[in-house]
Amino acid sequence: VQLVESGGGLVQTGGSLTLSCTASGSISSINGMEWYRQPPGKERDLVASITRGGITNYADSVKGRFTISRDNAKNTMYLQMNSLKPEDTAVYYCNARILRYGLGWSDYWGQGTQVTVSS
């Protein structure tokens, strides 16, 4: 199983980016999916989460600016980021709880994608 993020880049303050995270491999089902971020020199923190049924939660710092969504048929999760601020600069990681055929549930991480917001 592999999670691959894409969509990061450099954007000016107030700009927008959309991140994607696609799971591939021997997947039976995907339960909760989450976006985390890790600013330079800081810990990795939860940004947003979404259940398989579409229930979402957000960190206070991104509420009203970021939108998490998923396409279960494509095993893909998205993070639409609007009104970006310099403090949103970080490496963004996706995490998913995945059921592999015959192997049970495990958590998987993507490799991360860099988001840089210039002032």
N, C-alpha and C. Protein backbone atom coordinates (compact mmCIF):
# COMPACT_ATOMS: atom_id res chain seq x y z
N VAL A 1 0.85 -1.19 0.00
CA VAL A 1 0.00 0.00 0.00
C VAL A 1 0.88 1.23 0.00
N GLN A 2 0.47 2.20 -0.78
CA GLN A 2 1.24 3.45 -0.89
C GLN A 2 0.29 4.63 -0.91
N LEU A 3 0.65 5.68 -0.17
CA LEU A 3 -0.07 6.94 -0.22
C LEU A 3 0.82 7.97 -0.90
N VAL A 4 0.28 8.65 -1.88
CA VAL A 4 1.06 9.64 -2.61
C VAL A 4 0.33 10.97 -2.60
N GLU A 5 1.01 11.99 -2.05
CA GLU A 5 0.45 13.34 -2.03
C GLU A 5 0.95 14.11 -3.25
N SER A 6 0.15 15.08 -3.65
CA SER A 6 0.55 15.99 -4.72
C SER A 6 -0.18 17.31 -4.54
N GLY A 7 0.30 18.33 -5.26
CA GLY A 7 -0.40 19.60 -5.27
C GLY A 7 0.27 20.70 -4.47
N GLY A 8 1.34 20.39 -3.77
CA GLY A 8 2.03 21.43 -3.02
C GLY A 8 2.76 22.38 -3.94
N GLY A 9 3.27 23.46 -3.35
CA GLY A 9 4.01 24.44 -4.14
C GLY A 9 4.17 25.74 -3.41
N LEU A 10 4.56 26.75 -4.17
CA LEU A 10 4.78 28.10 -3.65
C LEU A 10 3.61 28.98 -4.06
N VAL A 11 3.05 29.70 -3.10
CA VAL A 11 1.91 30.57 -3.38
C VAL A 11 2.03 31.83 -2.53
N GLN A 12 1.46 32.91 -3.01
CA GLN A 12 1.48 34.16 -2.24
C GLN A 12 0.39 34.17 -1.19
N THR A 13 0.58 35.01 -0.19
CA THR A 13 -0.45 35.19 0.84
C THR A 13 -1.79 35.51 0.20
N GLY A 14 -2.82 34.80 0.68
CA GLY A 14 -4.15 34.99 0.12
C GLY A 14 -4.49 34.05 -1.01
N GLY A 15 -3.51 33.33 -1.48
CA GLY A 15 -3.70 32.40 -2.59
C GLY A 15 -4.32 31.08 -2.16
N SER A 16 -4.46 30.19 -3.14
CA SER A 16 -5.10 28.89 -2.91
C SER A 16 -4.27 27.76 -3.49
N LEU A 17 -4.40 26.61 -2.88
CA LEU A 17 -3.81 25.37 -3.37
C LEU A 17 -4.74 24.23 -3.04
N THR A 18 -4.70 23.19 -3.85
CA THR A 18 -5.44 21.97 -3.55
C THR A 18 -4.47 20.80 -3.51
N LEU A 19 -4.44 20.13 -2.37
CA LEU A 19 -3.62 18.94 -2.21
C LEU A 19 -4.46 17.69 -2.48
N SER A 20 -3.80 16.67 -3.00
CA SER A 20 -4.44 15.38 -3.22
C SER A 20 -3.61 14.28 -2.56
N CYS A 21 -4.29 13.24 -2.13
CA CYS A 21 -3.62 12.08 -1.55
C CYS A 21 -4.33 10.85 -2.09
N THR A 22 -3.60 10.02 -2.81
CA THR A 22 -4.19 8.82 -3.42
C THR A 22 -3.54 7.57 -2.86
N ALA A 23 -4.38 6.65 -2.44
CA ALA A 23 -3.92 5.37 -1.92
C ALA A 23 -3.98 4.33 -3.03
N SER A 24 -2.94 3.49 -3.09
CA SER A 24 -2.91 2.43 -4.10
C SER A 24 -2.33 1.16 -3.48
N GLY A 25 -2.61 0.05 -4.13
CA GLY A 25 -2.12 -1.22 -3.63
C GLY A 25 -3.26 -2.17 -3.36
N SER A 26 -2.97 -3.17 -2.53
CA SER A 26 -3.94 -4.20 -2.22
C SER A 26 -4.87 -3.71 -1.10
N ILE A 27 -5.86 -2.89 -1.48
CA ILE A 27 -6.73 -2.22 -0.52
C ILE A 27 -8.12 -2.81 -0.56
N SER A 28 -8.60 -3.22 0.62
CA SER A 28 -9.97 -3.68 0.72
C SER A 28 -10.90 -2.53 1.06
N SER A 29 -10.47 -1.67 1.99
CA SER A 29 -11.30 -0.55 2.41
C SER A 29 -10.41 0.50 3.07
N ILE A 30 -10.88 1.75 3.03
CA ILE A 30 -10.20 2.85 3.72
C ILE A 30 -11.18 3.48 4.69
N ASN A 31 -10.77 3.60 5.94
CA ASN A 31 -11.63 4.19 6.95
C ASN A 31 -11.32 5.69 7.04
N GLY A 32 -10.92 6.17 8.20
CA GLY A 32 -10.64 7.60 8.35
C GLY A 32 -9.40 8.03 7.58
N MET A 33 -9.44 9.25 7.07
CA MET A 33 -8.29 9.86 6.40
C MET A 33 -8.03 11.22 7.01
N GLU A 34 -6.78 11.61 7.05
CA GLU A 34 -6.41 12.85 7.74
C GLU A 34 -5.28 13.57 7.01
N TRP A 35 -5.26 14.86 7.18
CA TRP A 35 -4.13 15.70 6.75
C TRP A 35 -3.43 16.22 8.00
N TYR A 36 -2.12 16.12 8.00
CA TYR A 36 -1.26 16.68 9.03
C TYR A 36 -0.31 17.67 8.36
N ARG A 37 0.29 18.53 9.17
CA ARG A 37 1.34 19.39 8.65
C ARG A 37 2.44 19.58 9.69
N GLN A 38 3.64 19.79 9.18
CA GLN A 38 4.79 19.97 10.06
C GLN A 38 5.59 21.18 9.59
N PRO A 39 5.45 22.31 10.30
CA PRO A 39 6.25 23.49 9.95
C PRO A 39 7.72 23.24 10.28
N PRO A 40 8.61 24.02 9.72
CA PRO A 40 10.05 23.85 9.99
C PRO A 40 10.35 23.96 11.48
N GLY A 41 11.02 22.96 12.03
CA GLY A 41 11.43 22.98 13.42
C GLY A 41 10.32 22.74 14.43
N LYS A 42 9.14 22.35 13.95
CA LYS A 42 8.01 22.13 14.85
C LYS A 42 7.47 20.72 14.71
N GLU A 43 6.54 20.39 15.59
CA GLU A 43 5.95 19.06 15.56
C GLU A 43 4.88 18.95 14.47
N ARG A 44 4.57 17.71 14.13
CA ARG A 44 3.52 17.44 13.16
C ARG A 44 2.16 17.54 13.87
N ASP A 45 1.25 18.32 13.31
CA ASP A 45 -0.05 18.54 13.91
C ASP A 45 -1.17 18.16 12.94
N LEU A 46 -2.30 17.75 13.51
CA LEU A 46 -3.47 17.42 12.71
C LEU A 46 -4.11 18.70 12.15
N VAL A 47 -4.41 18.68 10.87
CA VAL A 47 -5.05 19.82 10.22
C VAL A 47 -6.54 19.56 10.02
N ALA A 48 -6.86 18.39 9.48
CA ALA A 48 -8.25 18.07 9.19
C ALA A 48 -8.39 16.56 9.06
N SER A 49 -9.62 16.09 9.31
CA SER A 49 -9.90 14.67 9.19
C SER A 49 -11.26 14.47 8.55
N ILE A 50 -11.44 13.29 7.95
CA ILE A 50 -12.71 12.96 7.32
C ILE A 50 -12.96 11.47 7.46
N THR A 51 -14.17 11.10 7.86
CA THR A 51 -14.54 9.70 7.97
C THR A 51 -14.93 9.17 6.59
N ARG A 52 -15.11 7.88 6.51
CA ARG A 52 -15.51 7.30 5.25
C ARG A 52 -16.88 7.85 4.81
N GLY A 53 -17.70 8.15 5.80
CA GLY A 53 -19.03 8.68 5.51
C GLY A 53 -19.06 10.18 5.26
N GLY A 54 -17.89 10.85 5.40
CA GLY A 54 -17.83 12.26 5.06
C GLY A 54 -17.92 13.23 6.22
N ILE A 55 -17.88 12.75 7.44
CA ILE A 55 -17.88 13.64 8.59
C ILE A 55 -16.49 14.26 8.73
N THR A 56 -16.45 15.58 8.86
CA THR A 56 -15.18 16.29 8.85
C THR A 56 -14.92 17.01 10.17
N ASN A 57 -13.64 17.20 10.45
CA ASN A 57 -13.20 18.01 11.57
C ASN A 57 -11.97 18.79 11.16
N TYR A 58 -11.82 20.00 11.75
CA TYR A 58 -10.72 20.88 11.38
C TYR A 58 -10.03 21.46 12.62
N ALA A 59 -8.74 21.71 12.48
CA ALA A 59 -8.04 22.48 13.49
C ALA A 59 -8.59 23.91 13.48
N ASP A 60 -8.62 24.54 14.63
CA ASP A 60 -9.17 25.89 14.72
C ASP A 60 -8.44 26.85 13.77
N SER A 61 -7.16 26.63 13.57
CA SER A 61 -6.36 27.55 12.76
C SER A 61 -6.73 27.55 11.29
N VAL A 62 -7.45 26.52 10.83
CA VAL A 62 -7.78 26.43 9.40
C VAL A 62 -9.28 26.46 9.13
N LYS A 63 -10.09 26.48 10.18
CA LYS A 63 -11.55 26.50 9.99
C LYS A 63 -11.98 27.70 9.16
N GLY A 64 -12.83 27.44 8.19
CA GLY A 64 -13.32 28.49 7.32
C GLY A 64 -12.42 28.78 6.13
N ARG A 65 -11.20 28.23 6.15
CA ARG A 65 -10.27 28.46 5.03
C ARG A 65 -9.96 27.17 4.26
N PHE A 66 -9.90 26.05 4.96
CA PHE A 66 -9.55 24.77 4.35
C PHE A 66 -10.80 23.89 4.29
N THR A 67 -10.86 23.06 3.25
CA THR A 67 -11.96 22.10 3.10
C THR A 67 -11.38 20.74 2.75
N ILE A 68 -11.70 19.75 3.56
CA ILE A 68 -11.26 18.38 3.30
C ILE A 68 -12.40 17.63 2.63
N SER A 69 -12.05 16.77 1.69
CA SER A 69 -13.06 15.95 1.01
C SER A 69 -12.39 14.66 0.54
N ARG A 70 -13.20 13.73 0.08
CA ARG A 70 -12.65 12.47 -0.41
C ARG A 70 -13.54 11.87 -1.48
N ASP A 71 -12.93 11.06 -2.32
CA ASP A 71 -13.65 10.30 -3.34
C ASP A 71 -13.34 8.84 -3.05
N ASN A 72 -14.28 8.14 -2.44
CA ASN A 72 -14.03 6.76 -2.04
C ASN A 72 -13.79 5.84 -3.24
N ALA A 73 -14.42 6.13 -4.34
CA ALA A 73 -14.25 5.30 -5.53
C ALA A 73 -12.83 5.40 -6.09
N LYS A 74 -12.19 6.53 -5.85
CA LYS A 74 -10.83 6.76 -6.35
C LYS A 74 -9.78 6.59 -5.27
N ASN A 75 -10.20 6.24 -4.04
CA ASN A 75 -9.25 6.12 -2.91
C ASN A 75 -8.41 7.39 -2.77
N THR A 76 -9.07 8.53 -2.91
CA THR A 76 -8.36 9.81 -2.92
C THR A 76 -9.01 10.79 -1.96
N MET A 77 -8.15 11.54 -1.29
CA MET A 77 -8.57 12.59 -0.38
C MET A 77 -8.00 13.91 -0.88
N TYR A 78 -8.72 14.99 -0.60
CA TYR A 78 -8.30 16.31 -1.05
C TYR A 78 -8.26 17.30 0.12
N LEU A 79 -7.47 18.35 -0.05
CA LEU A 79 -7.49 19.46 0.90
C LEU A 79 -7.45 20.75 0.09
N GLN A 80 -8.59 21.42 0.02
CA GLN A 80 -8.67 22.71 -0.64
C GLN A 80 -8.28 23.77 0.37
N MET A 81 -7.24 24.52 0.05
CA MET A 81 -6.72 25.52 0.98
C MET A 81 -6.87 26.91 0.36
N ASN A 82 -7.67 27.74 0.99
CA ASN A 82 -7.90 29.10 0.54
C ASN A 82 -7.37 30.11 1.55
N SER A 83 -7.23 31.35 1.11
CA SER A 83 -6.78 32.43 2.00
C SER A 83 -5.53 32.02 2.77
N LEU A 84 -4.57 31.50 2.05
CA LEU A 84 -3.36 30.97 2.68
C LEU A 84 -2.56 32.08 3.34
N LYS A 85 -1.93 31.72 4.46
CA LYS A 85 -1.12 32.64 5.25
C LYS A 85 0.30 32.09 5.36
N PRO A 86 1.27 32.94 5.64
CA PRO A 86 2.64 32.44 5.80
C PRO A 86 2.75 31.36 6.87
N GLU A 87 1.92 31.43 7.89
CA GLU A 87 1.98 30.42 8.95
C GLU A 87 1.43 29.07 8.51
N ASP A 88 0.88 28.99 7.32
CA ASP A 88 0.45 27.70 6.77
C ASP A 88 1.62 26.96 6.11
N THR A 89 2.77 27.62 6.01
CA THR A 89 3.93 27.00 5.41
C THR A 89 4.35 25.77 6.21
N ALA A 90 4.45 24.63 5.53
CA ALA A 90 4.76 23.37 6.21
C ALA A 90 4.86 22.27 5.17
N VAL A 91 5.35 21.12 5.62
CA VAL A 91 5.21 19.89 4.83
C VAL A 91 3.88 19.26 5.25
N TYR A 92 3.05 18.98 4.27
CA TYR A 92 1.73 18.41 4.52
C TYR A 92 1.77 16.91 4.23
N TYR A 93 1.26 16.14 5.19
CA TYR A 93 1.25 14.69 5.09
C TYR A 93 -0.19 14.17 5.15
N CYS A 94 -0.45 13.11 4.41
CA CYS A 94 -1.74 12.45 4.56
C CYS A 94 -1.54 11.14 5.32
N ASN A 95 -2.59 10.77 6.01
CA ASN A 95 -2.63 9.54 6.78
C ASN A 95 -3.95 8.86 6.52
N ALA A 96 -3.91 7.53 6.43
CA ALA A 96 -5.15 6.80 6.18
C ALA A 96 -5.12 5.48 6.93
N ARG A 97 -6.29 5.09 7.43
CA ARG A 97 -6.42 3.79 8.08
C ARG A 97 -6.99 2.83 7.03
N ILE A 98 -6.18 1.85 6.66
CA ILE A 98 -6.47 1.03 5.50
C ILE A 98 -6.57 -0.44 5.87
N LEU A 99 -7.58 -1.09 5.32
CA LEU A 99 -7.75 -2.53 5.48
C LEU A 99 -7.18 -3.21 4.24
N ARG A 100 -6.16 -4.01 4.45
CA ARG A 100 -5.57 -4.76 3.35
C ARG A 100 -6.18 -6.16 3.34
N TYR A 101 -6.33 -6.70 2.17
CA TYR A 101 -6.90 -8.03 2.04
C TYR A 101 -6.12 -9.04 2.87
N GLY A 102 -6.81 -9.66 3.85
CA GLY A 102 -6.21 -10.71 4.67
C GLY A 102 -5.21 -10.25 5.70
N LEU A 103 -5.02 -8.92 5.87
CA LEU A 103 -3.97 -8.45 6.78
C LEU A 103 -4.47 -7.51 7.86
N GLY A 104 -5.71 -7.14 7.88
CA GLY A 104 -6.23 -6.27 8.92
C GLY A 104 -5.97 -4.81 8.66
N TRP A 105 -6.33 -3.98 9.65
CA TRP A 105 -6.24 -2.53 9.54
C TRP A 105 -4.86 -2.04 9.98
N SER A 106 -4.34 -1.06 9.25
CA SER A 106 -3.08 -0.40 9.62
C SER A 106 -3.14 1.05 9.17
N ASP A 107 -2.34 1.88 9.83
CA ASP A 107 -2.22 3.29 9.44
C ASP A 107 -1.05 3.45 8.47
N TYR A 108 -1.27 4.25 7.43
CA TYR A 108 -0.24 4.51 6.43
C TYR A 108 -0.05 6.01 6.27
N TRP A 109 1.20 6.40 5.96
CA TRP A 109 1.55 7.80 5.76
C TRP A 109 2.06 8.03 4.35
N GLY A 110 1.77 9.20 3.82
CA GLY A 110 2.37 9.61 2.57
C GLY A 110 3.75 10.20 2.83
N GLN A 111 4.45 10.56 1.75
CA GLN A 111 5.81 11.05 1.86
C GLN A 111 5.88 12.55 2.15
N GLY A 112 4.76 13.22 2.03
CA GLY A 112 4.71 14.66 2.31
C GLY A 112 4.85 15.50 1.07
N THR A 113 4.21 16.67 1.11
CA THR A 113 4.33 17.64 0.03
C THR A 113 4.52 19.02 0.64
N GLN A 114 5.45 19.78 0.12
CA GLN A 114 5.80 21.08 0.68
C GLN A 114 4.83 22.16 0.21
N VAL A 115 4.33 22.92 1.16
CA VAL A 115 3.52 24.10 0.87
C VAL A 115 4.25 25.31 1.46
N THR A 116 4.54 26.28 0.62
CA THR A 116 5.22 27.48 1.06
C THR A 116 4.38 28.69 0.68
N VAL A 117 4.06 29.52 1.68
CA VAL A 117 3.26 30.72 1.45
C VAL A 117 4.14 31.93 1.69
N SER A 118 4.34 32.72 0.66
CA SER A 118 5.20 33.89 0.77
C SER A 118 4.39 35.11 1.19
N SER A 119 5.04 35.97 1.96
CA SER A 119 4.36 37.18 2.45
C SER A 119 4.53 38.35 1.49
